[in-house]
Amino acid sequence: MLLEWWNEGIRQPRTLLVLLQTQGYSGSDRTLTRYISQIREAEGLAPARVLPPKNLPKVVDRQTPPLTPRRVAYLVLKHQKNRDKDEVQLLNDLVAEHPDIAMTIGLADEFLRMLRQRQAEAFDDWLMKVLKNALKPLQTFANGLFDDYAAVKASMLNNVSNGPVEGLNNRLKMLKRQMYGRANLDLLSKRFILTAKATPTELQAS
């Protein structure tokens, strides 16, 4: 049967395979391909040309990180001008998901704007707005701000920051961890002074 089809001009391996399968053929396409090669060789025909695959575009599996509370908080705290298109779309989707989420993100944006633009005059109104909403976590946050009301408001009025002091504290703690508590105070103070004068490259190499 196969030779009849072949002599009739039906010579596509895939077509022959389907025709054979309708007749009960249960072999593999590889077996059929080998047999067709033998027929071509017997007829003095050149081996079937296997066309190289075309240049196909690369398929990229873009792994999207899971949407965790930490990731959402990071996006909210991130400055608006530093958010990329996907992050802006994600926040817009969250805002549209539920009114409580929209309100929380809106209040967070207002608070960050007050801090960054030093809008101390808007702080009291913002606190009252948060205390009147029904979300317990926001109320807890506002009550915590009341505990440090003077310091928080002062941060919106003055350019002075304790950031450099905190940086020095972190550096000192890092040095203590590096020495595993085996150095005395004199050696610790010397290392602290040396690292304060060192460049970032020298610190990384140390």
Protein backbone atom coordinates (compact mmCIF):
# COMPACT_ATOMS: atom_id res chain seq x y z
CA MET A 1 0.00 0.00 0.00
CA LEU A 2 2.79 2.44 0.88
CA LEU A 3 4.61 1.77 -2.38
CA GLU A 4 1.39 2.36 -4.33
CA TRP A 5 0.95 5.75 -2.73
CA TRP A 6 4.61 6.52 -3.30
CA ASN A 7 4.39 5.63 -7.00
CA GLU A 8 1.25 7.74 -7.29
CA GLY A 9 3.25 10.76 -6.14
CA ILE A 10 2.19 10.88 -2.48
CA ARG A 11 5.58 11.27 -0.87
CA GLN A 12 5.18 13.61 2.10
CA PRO A 13 6.19 11.62 5.22
CA ARG A 14 3.52 13.23 7.37
CA THR A 15 0.78 12.49 4.83
CA LEU A 16 1.95 8.92 4.41
CA LEU A 17 2.01 8.45 8.18
CA VAL A 18 -1.62 9.58 8.52
CA LEU A 19 -2.71 7.35 5.63
CA LEU A 20 -0.92 4.36 7.15
CA GLN A 21 -2.44 5.00 10.54
CA THR A 22 -5.92 4.86 8.99
CA GLN A 23 -4.93 1.39 7.76
CA GLY A 24 -3.90 0.25 11.21
CA TYR A 25 -0.21 1.24 11.25
CA SER A 26 1.03 1.60 14.85
CA GLY A 27 4.71 2.24 14.23
CA SER A 28 6.60 5.46 14.82
CA ASP A 29 7.25 8.23 12.35
CA ARG A 30 10.97 7.53 12.74
CA THR A 31 10.51 3.99 11.42
CA LEU A 32 8.55 5.37 8.46
CA THR A 33 11.24 7.97 7.77
CA ARG A 34 13.94 5.29 7.66
CA TYR A 35 11.85 3.22 5.25
CA ILE A 36 11.25 6.21 2.97
CA SER A 37 15.01 6.89 2.97
CA GLN A 38 15.59 3.34 1.76
CA ILE A 39 13.05 3.83 -1.05
CA ARG A 40 14.72 7.07 -2.14
CA GLU A 41 18.11 5.37 -2.07
CA ALA A 42 16.78 2.47 -4.19
CA GLU A 43 15.45 4.94 -6.77
CA GLY A 44 18.75 6.83 -6.80
CA LEU A 45 17.16 9.95 -5.34
CA ALA A 46 19.03 12.33 -3.12
CA PRO A 47 18.25 12.15 0.60
CA ALA A 48 15.32 14.27 1.69
CA ARG A 49 16.42 17.75 2.54
CA VAL A 50 15.69 18.78 6.10
CA LEU A 51 14.96 22.46 6.17
CA PRO A 52 16.61 24.33 9.03
CA PRO A 53 14.20 25.93 11.48
CA LYS A 54 13.40 29.55 10.82
CA ASN A 55 14.67 32.21 13.14
CA LEU A 56 11.91 32.41 15.67
CA PRO A 57 11.62 35.12 18.31
CA LYS A 58 12.86 34.16 21.73
CA VAL A 59 10.22 33.22 24.22
CA VAL A 60 10.89 34.75 27.61
CA ASP A 61 9.15 33.51 30.72
CA ARG A 62 8.98 36.69 32.74
CA GLN A 63 8.75 35.72 36.35
CA THR A 64 6.49 38.17 38.14
CA PRO A 65 7.31 38.44 41.83
CA PRO A 66 4.43 37.56 44.17
CA LEU A 67 2.32 40.42 45.44
CA THR A 68 3.18 40.47 49.14
CA PRO A 69 2.36 43.16 51.73
CA ARG A 70 6.06 44.05 51.82
CA ARG A 71 6.14 44.59 48.05
CA VAL A 72 3.00 46.74 48.13
CA ALA A 73 4.43 48.83 50.97
CA TYR A 74 7.64 49.30 48.99
CA LEU A 75 5.69 50.51 45.94
CA VAL A 76 3.63 52.92 48.02
CA LEU A 77 6.73 54.38 49.71
CA LYS A 78 8.61 54.64 46.43
CA HIS A 79 8.63 58.15 45.01
CA GLN A 80 6.09 58.59 42.23
CA LYS A 81 8.68 59.78 39.72
CA ASN A 82 10.74 56.62 40.35
CA ARG A 83 7.91 54.14 39.69
CA ASP A 84 8.04 52.42 36.33
CA LYS A 85 5.01 51.81 34.12
CA ASP A 86 4.28 48.34 35.53
CA GLU A 87 4.44 49.60 39.12
CA VAL A 88 2.07 52.47 38.34
CA GLN A 89 -0.35 50.06 36.72
CA LEU A 90 -0.15 47.69 39.67
CA LEU A 91 -0.97 50.48 42.14
CA ASN A 92 -3.85 51.64 39.94
CA ASP A 93 -5.22 48.09 39.91
CA LEU A 94 -4.99 47.93 43.70
CA VAL A 95 -6.77 51.26 44.08
CA ALA A 96 -9.56 50.01 41.85
CA GLU A 97 -9.80 46.71 43.76
CA HIS A 98 -11.33 48.01 47.01
CA PRO A 99 -12.16 51.43 48.50
CA ASP A 100 -10.23 50.68 51.72
CA ILE A 101 -7.07 50.00 49.70
CA ALA A 102 -7.61 53.20 47.72
CA MET A 103 -8.03 55.20 50.92
CA THR A 104 -4.95 53.67 52.55
CA ILE A 105 -2.73 54.35 49.53
CA GLY A 106 -4.11 57.88 49.26
CA LEU A 107 -3.42 58.66 52.92
CA ALA A 108 0.07 57.19 52.63
CA ASP A 109 0.78 59.38 49.59
CA GLU A 110 -0.41 62.46 51.49
CA PHE A 111 1.80 61.66 54.47
CA LEU A 112 4.87 61.10 52.29
CA ARG A 113 4.20 64.33 50.44
CA MET A 114 4.02 66.22 53.73
CA LEU A 115 7.38 64.78 54.78
CA ARG A 116 9.14 65.33 51.47
CA GLN A 117 7.76 68.82 50.84
CA ARG A 118 7.78 69.81 54.55
CA GLN A 119 4.09 70.72 54.66
CA ALA A 120 3.78 70.89 58.44
CA GLU A 121 0.62 72.99 58.21
CA ALA A 122 -1.27 70.02 56.76
CA PHE A 123 -0.14 67.53 59.41
CA ASP A 124 -2.93 68.15 61.95
CA ASP A 125 -5.71 67.84 59.37
CA TRP A 126 -4.15 64.63 58.08
CA LEU A 127 -4.01 63.16 61.59
CA MET A 128 -7.70 63.92 62.19
CA LYS A 129 -8.63 62.40 58.86
CA VAL A 130 -6.80 59.18 59.75
CA LEU A 131 -8.27 58.99 63.27
CA LYS A 132 -11.81 59.29 61.89
CA ASN A 133 -11.50 56.43 59.40
CA ALA A 134 -12.59 52.90 60.30
CA LEU A 135 -9.33 51.08 59.58
CA LYS A 136 -7.68 50.00 62.82
CA PRO A 137 -4.08 49.80 61.49
CA LEU A 138 -4.25 53.40 60.30
CA GLN A 139 -5.63 54.54 63.64
CA THR A 140 -2.82 52.72 65.43
CA PHE A 141 -0.27 54.44 63.18
CA ALA A 142 -1.81 57.86 63.87
CA ASN A 143 -1.82 57.25 67.63
CA GLY A 144 1.86 56.36 67.40
CA LEU A 145 2.52 59.67 65.68
CA PHE A 146 0.77 61.46 68.52
CA ASP A 147 3.26 59.88 70.94
CA ASP A 148 6.08 61.62 69.02
CA TYR A 149 3.99 64.54 67.77
CA ALA A 150 6.61 67.24 68.40
CA ALA A 151 9.43 65.28 66.75
CA VAL A 152 7.35 64.34 63.71
CA LYS A 153 6.16 67.88 63.15
CA ALA A 154 9.65 69.25 63.69
CA SER A 155 10.90 66.94 60.91
CA MET A 156 8.54 68.77 58.57
CA LEU A 157 9.82 72.18 59.64
CA ASN A 158 13.59 71.71 59.88
CA ASN A 159 16.27 70.49 57.50
CA VAL A 160 18.22 68.91 60.35
CA SER A 161 18.33 65.10 60.25
CA ASN A 162 19.77 62.42 62.52
CA GLY A 163 20.64 60.32 59.47
CA PRO A 164 24.42 60.86 59.77
CA VAL A 165 24.32 59.83 63.44
CA GLU A 166 22.40 56.66 62.60
CA GLY A 167 24.91 55.94 59.85
CA LEU A 168 27.78 56.15 62.32
CA ASN A 169 25.96 53.88 64.74
CA ASN A 170 25.41 51.28 62.02
CA ARG A 171 29.07 51.45 61.02
CA LEU A 172 30.18 50.94 64.62
CA LYS A 173 27.89 47.93 65.00
CA MET A 174 29.23 46.45 61.76
CA LEU A 175 32.81 46.74 63.01
CA LYS A 176 31.90 45.05 66.29
CA ARG A 177 30.32 42.15 64.39
CA GLN A 178 33.38 41.82 62.14
CA MET A 179 35.66 41.46 65.16
CA TYR A 180 33.30 39.05 66.94
CA GLY A 181 33.69 40.97 70.18
CA ARG A 182 37.37 40.04 70.57
CA ALA A 183 38.83 43.56 70.19
CA ASN A 184 39.22 46.00 73.02
CA LEU A 185 37.92 49.56 72.97
CA ASP A 186 41.21 51.05 71.73
CA LEU A 187 41.36 48.82 68.65
CA LEU A 188 37.69 49.35 67.97
CA SER A 189 38.09 53.14 68.06
CA LYS A 190 41.11 52.97 65.72
CA ARG A 191 39.23 50.82 63.21
CA PHE A 192 36.25 53.12 63.41
CA ILE A 193 38.39 56.17 62.63
CA LEU A 194 40.16 54.39 59.75
CA THR A 195 36.90 53.24 58.16
CA ALA A 196 35.50 56.74 58.47
CA LYS A 197 38.39 57.98 56.29
CA ALA A 198 38.38 55.04 53.87
CA THR A 199 36.83 55.10 50.42
CA PRO A 200 33.89 52.79 49.55
CA THR A 201 36.28 50.58 47.52
CA GLU A 202 38.67 50.25 50.45
CA LEU A 203 35.79 49.41 52.78
CA GLN A 204 34.59 46.68 50.46
CA ALA A 205 38.06 45.16 50.26
CA SER A 206 38.60 45.21 54.01
